[in-house]
PDBML (XML) file of the C-alpha atoms, coordinates in Angstrom:
<?xml version="1.0" encoding="UTF-8" ?>
<PDBx:datablock datablockName="MODEL"
   xmlns:PDBx="http://pdbml.pdb.org/schema/pdbx-v50.xsd"
   xmlns:xsi="http://www.w3.org/2001/XMLSchema-instance"
   xsi:schemaLocation="http://pdbml.pdb.org/schema/pdbx-v50.xsd pdbx-v50.xsd">
   <PDBx:atom_siteCategory>
      <PDBx:atom_site id="1">
         <PDBx:B_iso_or_equiv>0.00</PDBx:B_iso_or_equiv>
         <PDBx:Cartn_x>103.266</PDBx:Cartn_x>
         <PDBx:Cartn_y>121.905</PDBx:Cartn_y>
         <PDBx:Cartn_z>95.001</PDBx:Cartn_z>
         <PDBx:auth_asym_id>A</PDBx:auth_asym_id>
         <PDBx:auth_atom_id>CA</PDBx:auth_atom_id>
         <PDBx:auth_comp_id>UNK</PDBx:auth_comp_id>
         <PDBx:auth_seq_id>1</PDBx:auth_seq_id>
         <PDBx:group_PDB>ATOM</PDBx:group_PDB>
         <PDBx:label_alt_id xsi:nil="true" />
         <PDBx:label_asym_id>A</PDBx:label_asym_id>
         <PDBx:label_atom_id>CA</PDBx:label_atom_id>
         <PDBx:label_comp_id>UNK</PDBx:label_comp_id>
         <PDBx:label_entity_id>1</PDBx:label_entity_id>
         <PDBx:label_seq_id>1</PDBx:label_seq_id>
         <PDBx:occupancy>1.00</PDBx:occupancy>
         <PDBx:pdbx_PDB_model_num>1</PDBx:pdbx_PDB_model_num>
         <PDBx:type_symbol>C</PDBx:type_symbol>
      </PDBx:atom_site>
      <PDBx:atom_site id="2">
         <PDBx:B_iso_or_equiv>0.00</PDBx:B_iso_or_equiv>
         <PDBx:Cartn_x>105.322</PDBx:Cartn_x>
         <PDBx:Cartn_y>121.413</PDBx:Cartn_y>
         <PDBx:Cartn_z>91.835</PDBx:Cartn_z>
         <PDBx:auth_asym_id>A</PDBx:auth_asym_id>
         <PDBx:auth_atom_id>CA</PDBx:auth_atom_id>
         <PDBx:auth_comp_id>UNK</PDBx:auth_comp_id>
         <PDBx:auth_seq_id>2</PDBx:auth_seq_id>
         <PDBx:group_PDB>ATOM</PDBx:group_PDB>
         <PDBx:label_alt_id xsi:nil="true" />
         <PDBx:label_asym_id>A</PDBx:label_asym_id>
         <PDBx:label_atom_id>CA</PDBx:label_atom_id>
         <PDBx:label_comp_id>UNK</PDBx:label_comp_id>
         <PDBx:label_entity_id>1</PDBx:label_entity_id>
         <PDBx:label_seq_id>2</PDBx:label_seq_id>
         <PDBx:occupancy>1.00</PDBx:occupancy>
         <PDBx:pdbx_PDB_model_num>1</PDBx:pdbx_PDB_model_num>
         <PDBx:type_symbol>C</PDBx:type_symbol>
      </PDBx:atom_site>
      <PDBx:atom_site id="3">
         <PDBx:B_iso_or_equiv>0.00</PDBx:B_iso_or_equiv>
         <PDBx:Cartn_x>107.969</PDBx:Cartn_x>
         <PDBx:Cartn_y>119.493</PDBx:Cartn_y>
         <PDBx:Cartn_z>93.807</PDBx:Cartn_z>
         <PDBx:auth_asym_id>A</PDBx:auth_asym_id>
         <PDBx:auth_atom_id>CA</PDBx:auth_atom_id>
         <PDBx:auth_comp_id>UNK</PDBx:auth_comp_id>
         <PDBx:auth_seq_id>3</PDBx:auth_seq_id>
         <PDBx:group_PDB>ATOM</PDBx:group_PDB>
         <PDBx:label_alt_id xsi:nil="true" />
         <PDBx:label_asym_id>A</PDBx:label_asym_id>
         <PDBx:label_atom_id>CA</PDBx:label_atom_id>
         <PDBx:label_comp_id>UNK</PDBx:label_comp_id>
         <PDBx:label_entity_id>1</PDBx:label_entity_id>
         <PDBx:label_seq_id>3</PDBx:label_seq_id>
         <PDBx:occupancy>1.00</PDBx:occupancy>
         <PDBx:pdbx_PDB_model_num>1</PDBx:pdbx_PDB_model_num>
         <PDBx:type_symbol>C</PDBx:type_symbol>
      </PDBx:atom_site>
      <PDBx:atom_site id="4">
         <PDBx:B_iso_or_equiv>0.00</PDBx:B_iso_or_equiv>
         <PDBx:Cartn_x>105.444</PDBx:Cartn_x>
         <PDBx:Cartn_y>117.159</PDBx:Cartn_y>
         <PDBx:Cartn_z>95.459</PDBx:Cartn_z>
         <PDBx:auth_asym_id>A</PDBx:auth_asym_id>
         <PDBx:auth_atom_id>CA</PDBx:auth_atom_id>
         <PDBx:auth_comp_id>UNK</PDBx:auth_comp_id>
         <PDBx:auth_seq_id>4</PDBx:auth_seq_id>
         <PDBx:group_PDB>ATOM</PDBx:group_PDB>
         <PDBx:label_alt_id xsi:nil="true" />
         <PDBx:label_asym_id>A</PDBx:label_asym_id>
         <PDBx:label_atom_id>CA</PDBx:label_atom_id>
         <PDBx:label_comp_id>UNK</PDBx:label_comp_id>
         <PDBx:label_entity_id>1</PDBx:label_entity_id>
         <PDBx:label_seq_id>4</PDBx:label_seq_id>
         <PDBx:occupancy>1.00</PDBx:occupancy>
         <PDBx:pdbx_PDB_model_num>1</PDBx:pdbx_PDB_model_num>
         <PDBx:type_symbol>C</PDBx:type_symbol>
      </PDBx:atom_site>
      <PDBx:atom_site id="5">
         <PDBx:B_iso_or_equiv>0.00</PDBx:B_iso_or_equiv>
         <PDBx:Cartn_x>103.612</PDBx:Cartn_x>
         <PDBx:Cartn_y>116.448</PDBx:Cartn_y>
         <PDBx:Cartn_z>92.190</PDBx:Cartn_z>
         <PDBx:auth_asym_id>A</PDBx:auth_asym_id>
         <PDBx:auth_atom_id>CA</PDBx:auth_atom_id>
         <PDBx:auth_comp_id>UNK</PDBx:auth_comp_id>
         <PDBx:auth_seq_id>5</PDBx:auth_seq_id>
         <PDBx:group_PDB>ATOM</PDBx:group_PDB>
         <PDBx:label_alt_id xsi:nil="true" />
         <PDBx:label_asym_id>A</PDBx:label_asym_id>
         <PDBx:label_atom_id>CA</PDBx:label_atom_id>
         <PDBx:label_comp_id>UNK</PDBx:label_comp_id>
         <PDBx:label_entity_id>1</PDBx:label_entity_id>
         <PDBx:label_seq_id>5</PDBx:label_seq_id>
         <PDBx:occupancy>1.00</PDBx:occupancy>
         <PDBx:pdbx_PDB_model_num>1</PDBx:pdbx_PDB_model_num>
         <PDBx:type_symbol>C</PDBx:type_symbol>
      </PDBx:atom_site>
      <PDBx:atom_site id="6">
         <PDBx:B_iso_or_equiv>0.00</PDBx:B_iso_or_equiv>
         <PDBx:Cartn_x>106.898</PDBx:Cartn_x>
         <PDBx:Cartn_y>115.664</PDBx:Cartn_y>
         <PDBx:Cartn_z>90.460</PDBx:Cartn_z>
         <PDBx:auth_asym_id>A</PDBx:auth_asym_id>
         <PDBx:auth_atom_id>CA</PDBx:auth_atom_id>
         <PDBx:auth_comp_id>UNK</PDBx:auth_comp_id>
         <PDBx:auth_seq_id>6</PDBx:auth_seq_id>
         <PDBx:group_PDB>ATOM</PDBx:group_PDB>
         <PDBx:label_alt_id xsi:nil="true" />
         <PDBx:label_asym_id>A</PDBx:label_asym_id>
         <PDBx:label_atom_id>CA</PDBx:label_atom_id>
         <PDBx:label_comp_id>UNK</PDBx:label_comp_id>
         <PDBx:label_entity_id>1</PDBx:label_entity_id>
         <PDBx:label_seq_id>6</PDBx:label_seq_id>
         <PDBx:occupancy>1.00</PDBx:occupancy>
         <PDBx:pdbx_PDB_model_num>1</PDBx:pdbx_PDB_model_num>
         <PDBx:type_symbol>C</PDBx:type_symbol>
      </PDBx:atom_site>
      <PDBx:atom_site id="7">
         <PDBx:B_iso_or_equiv>0.00</PDBx:B_iso_or_equiv>
         <PDBx:Cartn_x>108.347</PDBx:Cartn_x>
         <PDBx:Cartn_y>113.637</PDBx:Cartn_y>
         <PDBx:Cartn_z>93.327</PDBx:Cartn_z>
         <PDBx:auth_asym_id>A</PDBx:auth_asym_id>
         <PDBx:auth_atom_id>CA</PDBx:auth_atom_id>
         <PDBx:auth_comp_id>UNK</PDBx:auth_comp_id>
         <PDBx:auth_seq_id>7</PDBx:auth_seq_id>
         <PDBx:group_PDB>ATOM</PDBx:group_PDB>
         <PDBx:label_alt_id xsi:nil="true" />
         <PDBx:label_asym_id>A</PDBx:label_asym_id>
         <PDBx:label_atom_id>CA</PDBx:label_atom_id>
         <PDBx:label_comp_id>UNK</PDBx:label_comp_id>
         <PDBx:label_entity_id>1</PDBx:label_entity_id>
         <PDBx:label_seq_id>7</PDBx:label_seq_id>
         <PDBx:occupancy>1.00</PDBx:occupancy>
         <PDBx:pdbx_PDB_model_num>1</PDBx:pdbx_PDB_model_num>
         <PDBx:type_symbol>C</PDBx:type_symbol>
      </PDBx:atom_site>
      <PDBx:atom_site id="8">
         <PDBx:B_iso_or_equiv>0.00</PDBx:B_iso_or_equiv>
         <PDBx:Cartn_x>105.157</PDBx:Cartn_x>
         <PDBx:Cartn_y>111.558</PDBx:Cartn_y>
         <PDBx:Cartn_z>93.623</PDBx:Cartn_z>
         <PDBx:auth_asym_id>A</PDBx:auth_asym_id>
         <PDBx:auth_atom_id>CA</PDBx:auth_atom_id>
         <PDBx:auth_comp_id>UNK</PDBx:auth_comp_id>
         <PDBx:auth_seq_id>8</PDBx:auth_seq_id>
         <PDBx:group_PDB>ATOM</PDBx:group_PDB>
         <PDBx:label_alt_id xsi:nil="true" />
         <PDBx:label_asym_id>A</PDBx:label_asym_id>
         <PDBx:label_atom_id>CA</PDBx:label_atom_id>
         <PDBx:label_comp_id>UNK</PDBx:label_comp_id>
         <PDBx:label_entity_id>1</PDBx:label_entity_id>
         <PDBx:label_seq_id>8</PDBx:label_seq_id>
         <PDBx:occupancy>1.00</PDBx:occupancy>
         <PDBx:pdbx_PDB_model_num>1</PDBx:pdbx_PDB_model_num>
         <PDBx:type_symbol>C</PDBx:type_symbol>
      </PDBx:atom_site>
      <PDBx:atom_site id="9">
         <PDBx:B_iso_or_equiv>0.00</PDBx:B_iso_or_equiv>
         <PDBx:Cartn_x>105.012</PDBx:Cartn_x>
         <PDBx:Cartn_y>111.131</PDBx:Cartn_y>
         <PDBx:Cartn_z>89.817</PDBx:Cartn_z>
         <PDBx:auth_asym_id>A</PDBx:auth_asym_id>
         <PDBx:auth_atom_id>CA</PDBx:auth_atom_id>
         <PDBx:auth_comp_id>UNK</PDBx:auth_comp_id>
         <PDBx:auth_seq_id>9</PDBx:auth_seq_id>
         <PDBx:group_PDB>ATOM</PDBx:group_PDB>
         <PDBx:label_alt_id xsi:nil="true" />
         <PDBx:label_asym_id>A</PDBx:label_asym_id>
         <PDBx:label_atom_id>CA</PDBx:label_atom_id>
         <PDBx:label_comp_id>UNK</PDBx:label_comp_id>
         <PDBx:label_entity_id>1</PDBx:label_entity_id>
         <PDBx:label_seq_id>9</PDBx:label_seq_id>
         <PDBx:occupancy>1.00</PDBx:occupancy>
         <PDBx:pdbx_PDB_model_num>1</PDBx:pdbx_PDB_model_num>
         <PDBx:type_symbol>C</PDBx:type_symbol>
      </PDBx:atom_site>
      <PDBx:atom_site id="10">
         <PDBx:B_iso_or_equiv>0.00</PDBx:B_iso_or_equiv>
         <PDBx:Cartn_x>101.421</PDBx:Cartn_x>
         <PDBx:Cartn_y>112.392</PDBx:Cartn_y>
         <PDBx:Cartn_z>89.771</PDBx:Cartn_z>
         <PDBx:auth_asym_id>A</PDBx:auth_asym_id>
         <PDBx:auth_atom_id>CA</PDBx:auth_atom_id>
         <PDBx:auth_comp_id>UNK</PDBx:auth_comp_id>
         <PDBx:auth_seq_id>10</PDBx:auth_seq_id>
         <PDBx:group_PDB>ATOM</PDBx:group_PDB>
         <PDBx:label_alt_id xsi:nil="true" />
         <PDBx:label_asym_id>A</PDBx:label_asym_id>
         <PDBx:label_atom_id>CA</PDBx:label_atom_id>
         <PDBx:label_comp_id>UNK</PDBx:label_comp_id>
         <PDBx:label_entity_id>1</PDBx:label_entity_id>
         <PDBx:label_seq_id>10</PDBx:label_seq_id>
         <PDBx:occupancy>1.00</PDBx:occupancy>
         <PDBx:pdbx_PDB_model_num>1</PDBx:pdbx_PDB_model_num>
         <PDBx:type_symbol>C</PDBx:type_symbol>
      </PDBx:atom_site>
      <PDBx:atom_site id="11">
         <PDBx:B_iso_or_equiv>0.00</PDBx:B_iso_or_equiv>
         <PDBx:Cartn_x>99.848</PDBx:Cartn_x>
         <PDBx:Cartn_y>112.155</PDBx:Cartn_y>
         <PDBx:Cartn_z>86.337</PDBx:Cartn_z>
         <PDBx:auth_asym_id>A</PDBx:auth_asym_id>
         <PDBx:auth_atom_id>CA</PDBx:auth_atom_id>
         <PDBx:auth_comp_id>UNK</PDBx:auth_comp_id>
         <PDBx:auth_seq_id>11</PDBx:auth_seq_id>
         <PDBx:group_PDB>ATOM</PDBx:group_PDB>
         <PDBx:label_alt_id xsi:nil="true" />
         <PDBx:label_asym_id>A</PDBx:label_asym_id>
         <PDBx:label_atom_id>CA</PDBx:label_atom_id>
         <PDBx:label_comp_id>UNK</PDBx:label_comp_id>
         <PDBx:label_entity_id>1</PDBx:label_entity_id>
         <PDBx:label_seq_id>11</PDBx:label_seq_id>
         <PDBx:occupancy>1.00</PDBx:occupancy>
         <PDBx:pdbx_PDB_model_num>1</PDBx:pdbx_PDB_model_num>
         <PDBx:type_symbol>C</PDBx:type_symbol>
      </PDBx:atom_site>
      <PDBx:atom_site id="12">
         <PDBx:B_iso_or_equiv>0.00</PDBx:B_iso_or_equiv>
         <PDBx:Cartn_x>96.885</PDBx:Cartn_x>
         <PDBx:Cartn_y>114.412</PDBx:Cartn_y>
         <PDBx:Cartn_z>87.070</PDBx:Cartn_z>
         <PDBx:auth_asym_id>A</PDBx:auth_asym_id>
         <PDBx:auth_atom_id>CA</PDBx:auth_atom_id>
         <PDBx:auth_comp_id>UNK</PDBx:auth_comp_id>
         <PDBx:auth_seq_id>12</PDBx:auth_seq_id>
         <PDBx:group_PDB>ATOM</PDBx:group_PDB>
         <PDBx:label_alt_id xsi:nil="true" />
         <PDBx:label_asym_id>A</PDBx:label_asym_id>
         <PDBx:label_atom_id>CA</PDBx:label_atom_id>
         <PDBx:label_comp_id>UNK</PDBx:label_comp_id>
         <PDBx:label_entity_id>1</PDBx:label_entity_id>
         <PDBx:label_seq_id>12</PDBx:label_seq_id>
         <PDBx:occupancy>1.00</PDBx:occupancy>
         <PDBx:pdbx_PDB_model_num>1</PDBx:pdbx_PDB_model_num>
         <PDBx:type_symbol>C</PDBx:type_symbol>
      </PDBx:atom_site>
      <PDBx:atom_site id="13">
         <PDBx:B_iso_or_equiv>0.00</PDBx:B_iso_or_equiv>
         <PDBx:Cartn_x>95.813</PDBx:Cartn_x>
         <PDBx:Cartn_y>117.170</PDBx:Cartn_y>
         <PDBx:Cartn_z>89.414</PDBx:Cartn_z>
         <PDBx:auth_asym_id>A</PDBx:auth_asym_id>
         <PDBx:auth_atom_id>CA</PDBx:auth_atom_id>
         <PDBx:auth_comp_id>UNK</PDBx:auth_comp_id>
         <PDBx:auth_seq_id>13</PDBx:auth_seq_id>
         <PDBx:group_PDB>ATOM</PDBx:group_PDB>
         <PDBx:label_alt_id xsi:nil="true" />
         <PDBx:label_asym_id>A</PDBx:label_asym_id>
         <PDBx:label_atom_id>CA</PDBx:label_atom_id>
         <PDBx:label_comp_id>UNK</PDBx:label_comp_id>
         <PDBx:label_entity_id>1</PDBx:label_entity_id>
         <PDBx:label_seq_id>13</PDBx:label_seq_id>
         <PDBx:occupancy>1.00</PDBx:occupancy>
         <PDBx:pdbx_PDB_model_num>1</PDBx:pdbx_PDB_model_num>
         <PDBx:type_symbol>C</PDBx:type_symbol>
      </PDBx:atom_site>
      <PDBx:atom_site id="14">
         <PDBx:B_iso_or_equiv>0.00</PDBx:B_iso_or_equiv>
         <PDBx:Cartn_x>92.197</PDBx:Cartn_x>
         <PDBx:Cartn_y>117.654</PDBx:Cartn_y>
         <PDBx:Cartn_z>90.479</PDBx:Cartn_z>
         <PDBx:auth_asym_id>A</PDBx:auth_asym_id>
         <PDBx:auth_atom_id>CA</PDBx:auth_atom_id>
         <PDBx:auth_comp_id>UNK</PDBx:auth_comp_id>
         <PDBx:auth_seq_id>14</PDBx:auth_seq_id>
         <PDBx:group_PDB>ATOM</PDBx:group_PDB>
         <PDBx:label_alt_id xsi:nil="true" />
         <PDBx:label_asym_id>A</PDBx:label_asym_id>
         <PDBx:label_atom_id>CA</PDBx:label_atom_id>
         <PDBx:label_comp_id>UNK</PDBx:label_comp_id>
         <PDBx:label_entity_id>1</PDBx:label_entity_id>
         <PDBx:label_seq_id>14</PDBx:label_seq_id>
         <PDBx:occupancy>1.00</PDBx:occupancy>
         <PDBx:pdbx_PDB_model_num>1</PDBx:pdbx_PDB_model_num>
         <PDBx:type_symbol>C</PDBx:type_symbol>
      </PDBx:atom_site>
      <PDBx:atom_site id="15">
         <PDBx:B_iso_or_equiv>0.00</PDBx:B_iso_or_equiv>
         <PDBx:Cartn_x>91.266</PDBx:Cartn_x>
         <PDBx:Cartn_y>121.172</PDBx:Cartn_y>
         <PDBx:Cartn_z>91.476</PDBx:Cartn_z>
         <PDBx:auth_asym_id>A</PDBx:auth_asym_id>
         <PDBx:auth_atom_id>CA</PDBx:auth_atom_id>
         <PDBx:auth_comp_id>UNK</PDBx:auth_comp_id>
         <PDBx:auth_seq_id>15</PDBx:auth_seq_id>
         <PDBx:group_PDB>ATOM</PDBx:group_PDB>
         <PDBx:label_alt_id xsi:nil="true" />
         <PDBx:label_asym_id>A</PDBx:label_asym_id>
         <PDBx:label_atom_id>CA</PDBx:label_atom_id>
         <PDBx:label_comp_id>UNK</PDBx:label_comp_id>
         <PDBx:label_entity_id>1</PDBx:label_entity_id>
         <PDBx:label_seq_id>15</PDBx:label_seq_id>
         <PDBx:occupancy>1.00</PDBx:occupancy>
         <PDBx:pdbx_PDB_model_num>1</PDBx:pdbx_PDB_model_num>
         <PDBx:type_symbol>C</PDBx:type_symbol>
      </PDBx:atom_site>
      <PDBx:atom_site id="16">
         <PDBx:B_iso_or_equiv>0.00</PDBx:B_iso_or_equiv>
         <PDBx:Cartn_x>88.484</PDBx:Cartn_x>
         <PDBx:Cartn_y>123.770</PDBx:Cartn_y>
         <PDBx:Cartn_z>91.361</PDBx:Cartn_z>
         <PDBx:auth_asym_id>A</PDBx:auth_asym_id>
         <PDBx:auth_atom_id>CA</PDBx:auth_atom_id>
         <PDBx:auth_comp_id>UNK</PDBx:auth_comp_id>
         <PDBx:auth_seq_id>16</PDBx:auth_seq_id>
         <PDBx:group_PDB>ATOM</PDBx:group_PDB>
         <PDBx:label_alt_id xsi:nil="true" />
         <PDBx:label_asym_id>A</PDBx:label_asym_id>
         <PDBx:label_atom_id>CA</PDBx:label_atom_id>
         <PDBx:label_comp_id>UNK</PDBx:label_comp_id>
         <PDBx:label_entity_id>1</PDBx:label_entity_id>
         <PDBx:label_seq_id>16</PDBx:label_seq_id>
         <PDBx:occupancy>1.00</PDBx:occupancy>
         <PDBx:pdbx_PDB_model_num>1</PDBx:pdbx_PDB_model_num>
         <PDBx:type_symbol>C</PDBx:type_symbol>
      </PDBx:atom_site>
      <PDBx:atom_site id="17">
         <PDBx:B_iso_or_equiv>0.00</PDBx:B_iso_or_equiv>
         <PDBx:Cartn_x>88.001</PDBx:Cartn_x>
         <PDBx:Cartn_y>126.724</PDBx:Cartn_y>
         <PDBx:Cartn_z>89.045</PDBx:Cartn_z>
         <PDBx:auth_asym_id>A</PDBx:auth_asym_id>
         <PDBx:auth_atom_id>CA</PDBx:auth_atom_id>
         <PDBx:auth_comp_id>UNK</PDBx:auth_comp_id>
         <PDBx:auth_seq_id>17</PDBx:auth_seq_id>
         <PDBx:group_PDB>ATOM</PDBx:group_PDB>
         <PDBx:label_alt_id xsi:nil="true" />
         <PDBx:label_asym_id>A</PDBx:label_asym_id>
         <PDBx:label_atom_id>CA</PDBx:label_atom_id>
         <PDBx:label_comp_id>UNK</PDBx:label_comp_id>
         <PDBx:label_entity_id>1</PDBx:label_entity_id>
         <PDBx:label_seq_id>17</PDBx:label_seq_id>
         <PDBx:occupancy>1.00</PDBx:occupancy>
         <PDBx:pdbx_PDB_model_num>1</PDBx:pdbx_PDB_model_num>
         <PDBx:type_symbol>C</PDBx:type_symbol>
      </PDBx:atom_site>
      <PDBx:atom_site id="18">
         <PDBx:B_iso_or_equiv>0.00</PDBx:B_iso_or_equiv>
         <PDBx:Cartn_x>88.866</PDBx:Cartn_x>
         <PDBx:Cartn_y>129.171</PDBx:Cartn_y>
         <PDBx:Cartn_z>91.855</PDBx:Cartn_z>
         <PDBx:auth_asym_id>A</PDBx:auth_asym_id>
         <PDBx:auth_atom_id>CA</PDBx:auth_atom_id>
         <PDBx:auth_comp_id>UNK</PDBx:auth_comp_id>
         <PDBx:auth_seq_id>18</PDBx:auth_seq_id>
         <PDBx:group_PDB>ATOM</PDBx:group_PDB>
         <PDBx:label_alt_id xsi:nil="true" />
         <PDBx:label_asym_id>A</PDBx:label_asym_id>
         <PDBx:label_atom_id>CA</PDBx:label_atom_id>
         <PDBx:label_comp_id>UNK</PDBx:label_comp_id>
         <PDBx:label_entity_id>1</PDBx:label_entity_id>
         <PDBx:label_seq_id>18</PDBx:label_seq_id>
         <PDBx:occupancy>1.00</PDBx:occupancy>
         <PDBx:pdbx_PDB_model_num>1</PDBx:pdbx_PDB_model_num>
         <PDBx:type_symbol>C</PDBx:type_symbol>
      </PDBx:atom_site>
      <PDBx:atom_site id="19">
         <PDBx:B_iso_or_equiv>0.00</PDBx:B_iso_or_equiv>
         <PDBx:Cartn_x>92.267</PDBx:Cartn_x>
         <PDBx:Cartn_y>127.491</PDBx:Cartn_y>
         <PDBx:Cartn_z>92.242</PDBx:Cartn_z>
         <PDBx:auth_asym_id>A</PDBx:auth_asym_id>
         <PDBx:auth_atom_id>CA</PDBx:auth_atom_id>
         <PDBx:auth_comp_id>UNK</PDBx:auth_comp_id>
         <PDBx:auth_seq_id>19</PDBx:auth_seq_id>
         <PDBx:group_PDB>ATOM</PDBx:group_PDB>
         <PDBx:label_alt_id xsi:nil="true" />
         <PDBx:label_asym_id>A</PDBx:label_asym_id>
         <PDBx:label_atom_id>CA</PDBx:label_atom_id>
         <PDBx:label_comp_id>UNK</PDBx:label_comp_id>
         <PDBx:label_entity_id>1</PDBx:label_entity_id>
         <PDBx:label_seq_id>19</PDBx:label_seq_id>
         <PDBx:occupancy>1.00</PDBx:occupancy>
         <PDBx:pdbx_PDB_model_num>1</PDBx:pdbx_PDB_model_num>
         <PDBx:type_symbol>C</PDBx:type_symbol>
      </PDBx:atom_site>
      <PDBx:atom_site id="20">
         <PDBx:B_iso_or_equiv>0.00</PDBx:B_iso_or_equiv>
         <PDBx:Cartn_x>92.851</PDBx:Cartn_x>
         <PDBx:Cartn_y>126.373</PDBx:Cartn_y>
         <PDBx:Cartn_z>88.642</PDBx:Cartn_z>
         <PDBx:auth_asym_id>A</PDBx:auth_asym_id>
         <PDBx:auth_atom_id>CA</PDBx:auth_atom_id>
         <PDBx:auth_comp_id>UNK</PDBx:auth_comp_id>
         <PDBx:auth_seq_id>20</PDBx:auth_seq_id>
         <PDBx:group_PDB>ATOM</PDBx:group_PDB>
         <PDBx:label_alt_id xsi:nil="true" />
         <PDBx:label_asym_id>A</PDBx:label_asym_id>
         <PDBx:label_atom_id>CA</PDBx:label_atom_id>
         <PDBx:label_comp_id>UNK</PDBx:label_comp_id>
         <PDBx:label_entity_id>1</PDBx:label_entity_id>
         <PDBx:label_seq_id>20</PDBx:label_seq_id>
         <PDBx:occupancy>1.00</PDBx:occupancy>
         <PDBx:pdbx_PDB_model_num>1</PDBx:pdbx_PDB_model_num>
         <PDBx:type_symbol>C</PDBx:type_symbol>
      </PDBx:atom_site>
      <PDBx:atom_site id="21">
         <PDBx:B_iso_or_equiv>0.00</PDBx:B_iso_or_equiv>
         <PDBx:Cartn_x>94.436</PDBx:Cartn_x>
         <PDBx:Cartn_y>129.539</PDBx:Cartn_y>
         <PDBx:Cartn_z>87.242</PDBx:Cartn_z>
         <PDBx:auth_asym_id>A</PDBx:auth_asym_id>
         <PDBx:auth_atom_id>CA</PDBx:auth_atom_id>
         <PDBx:auth_comp_id>UNK</PDBx:auth_comp_id>
         <PDBx:auth_seq_id>21</PDBx:auth_seq_id>
         <PDBx:group_PDB>ATOM</PDBx:group_PDB>
         <PDBx:label_alt_id xsi:nil="true" />
         <PDBx:label_asym_id>A</PDBx:label_asym_id>
         <PDBx:label_atom_id>CA</PDBx:label_atom_id>
         <PDBx:label_comp_id>UNK</PDBx:label_comp_id>
         <PDBx:label_entity_id>1</PDBx:label_entity_id>
         <PDBx:label_seq_id>21</PDBx:label_seq_id>
         <PDBx:occupancy>1.00</PDBx:occupancy>
         <PDBx:pdbx_PDB_model_num>1</PDBx:pdbx_PDB_model_num>
         <PDBx:type_symbol>C</PDBx:type_symbol>
      </PDBx:atom_site>
      <PDBx:atom_site id="22">
         <PDBx:B_iso_or_equiv>0.00</PDBx:B_iso_or_equiv>
         <PDBx:Cartn_x>97.090</PDBx:Cartn_x>
         <PDBx:Cartn_y>129.495</PDBx:Cartn_y>
         <PDBx:Cartn_z>89.976</PDBx:Cartn_z>
         <PDBx:auth_asym_id>A</PDBx:auth_asym_id>
         <PDBx:auth_atom_id>CA</PDBx:auth_atom_id>
         <PDBx:auth_comp_id>UNK</PDBx:auth_comp_id>
         <PDBx:auth_seq_id>22</PDBx:auth_seq_id>
         <PDBx:group_PDB>ATOM</PDBx:group_PDB>
         <PDBx:label_alt_id xsi:nil="true" />
         <PDBx:label_asym_id>A</PDBx:label_asym_id>
         <PDBx:label_atom_id>CA</PDBx:label_atom_id>
         <PDBx:label_comp_id>UNK</PDBx:label_comp_id>
         <PDBx:label_entity_id>1</PDBx:label_entity_id>
         <PDBx:label_seq_id>22</PDBx:label_seq_id>
         <PDBx:occupancy>1.00</PDBx:occupancy>
         <PDBx:pdbx_PDB_model_num>1</PDBx:pdbx_PDB_model_num>
         <PDBx:type_symbol>C</PDBx:type_symbol>
      </PDBx:atom_site>
      <PDBx:atom_site id="23">
         <PDBx:B_iso_or_equiv>0.00</PDBx:B_iso_or_equiv>
         <PDBx:Cartn_x>98.089</PDBx:Cartn_x>
         <PDBx:Cartn_y>125.952</PDBx:Cartn_y>
         <PDBx:Cartn_z>89.002</PDBx:Cartn_z>
         <PDBx:auth_asym_id>A</PDBx:auth_asym_id>
         <PDBx:auth_atom_id>CA</PDBx:auth_atom_id>
         <PDBx:auth_comp_id>UNK</PDBx:auth_comp_id>
         <PDBx:auth_seq_id>23</PDBx:auth_seq_id>
         <PDBx:group_PDB>ATOM</PDBx:group_PDB>
         <PDBx:label_alt_id xsi:nil="true" />
         <PDBx:label_asym_id>A</PDBx:label_asym_id>
         <PDBx:label_atom_id>CA</PDBx:label_atom_id>
         <PDBx:label_comp_id>UNK</PDBx:label_comp_id>
         <PDBx:label_entity_id>1</PDBx:label_entity_id>
         <PDBx:label_seq_id>23</PDBx:label_seq_id>
         <PDBx:occupancy>1.00</PDBx:occupancy>
         <PDBx:pdbx_PDB_model_num>1</PDBx:pdbx_PDB_model_num>
         <PDBx:type_symbol>C</PDBx:type_symbol>
      </PDBx:atom_site>
      <PDBx:atom_site id="24">
         <PDBx:B_iso_or_equiv>0.00</PDBx:B_iso_or_equiv>
         <PDBx:Cartn_x>97.984</PDBx:Cartn_x>
         <PDBx:Cartn_y>126.239</PDBx:Cartn_y>
         <PDBx:Cartn_z>85.205</PDBx:Cartn_z>
         <PDBx:auth_asym_id>A</PDBx:auth_asym_id>
         <PDBx:auth_atom_id>CA</PDBx:auth_atom_id>
         <PDBx:auth_comp_id>UNK</PDBx:auth_comp_id>
         <PDBx:auth_seq_id>24</PDBx:auth_seq_id>
         <PDBx:group_PDB>ATOM</PDBx:group_PDB>
         <PDBx:label_alt_id xsi:nil="true" />
         <PDBx:label_asym_id>A</PDBx:label_asym_id>
         <PDBx:label_atom_id>CA</PDBx:label_atom_id>
         <PDBx:label_comp_id>UNK</PDBx:label_comp_id>
         <PDBx:label_entity_id>1</PDBx:label_entity_id>
         <PDBx:label_seq_id>24</PDBx:label_seq_id>
         <PDBx:occupancy>1.00</PDBx:occupancy>
         <PDBx:pdbx_PDB_model_num>1</PDBx:pdbx_PDB_model_num>
         <PDBx:type_symbol>C</PDBx:type_symbol>
      </PDBx:atom_site>
   </PDBx:atom_siteCategory>
</PDBx:datablock>
């Protein structure tokens, strides 16, 4: 996930509370 966000130059990530802590 970190690779794809970086490679795509994503500025934001939308998620849900149940997933949020894993992506903090």
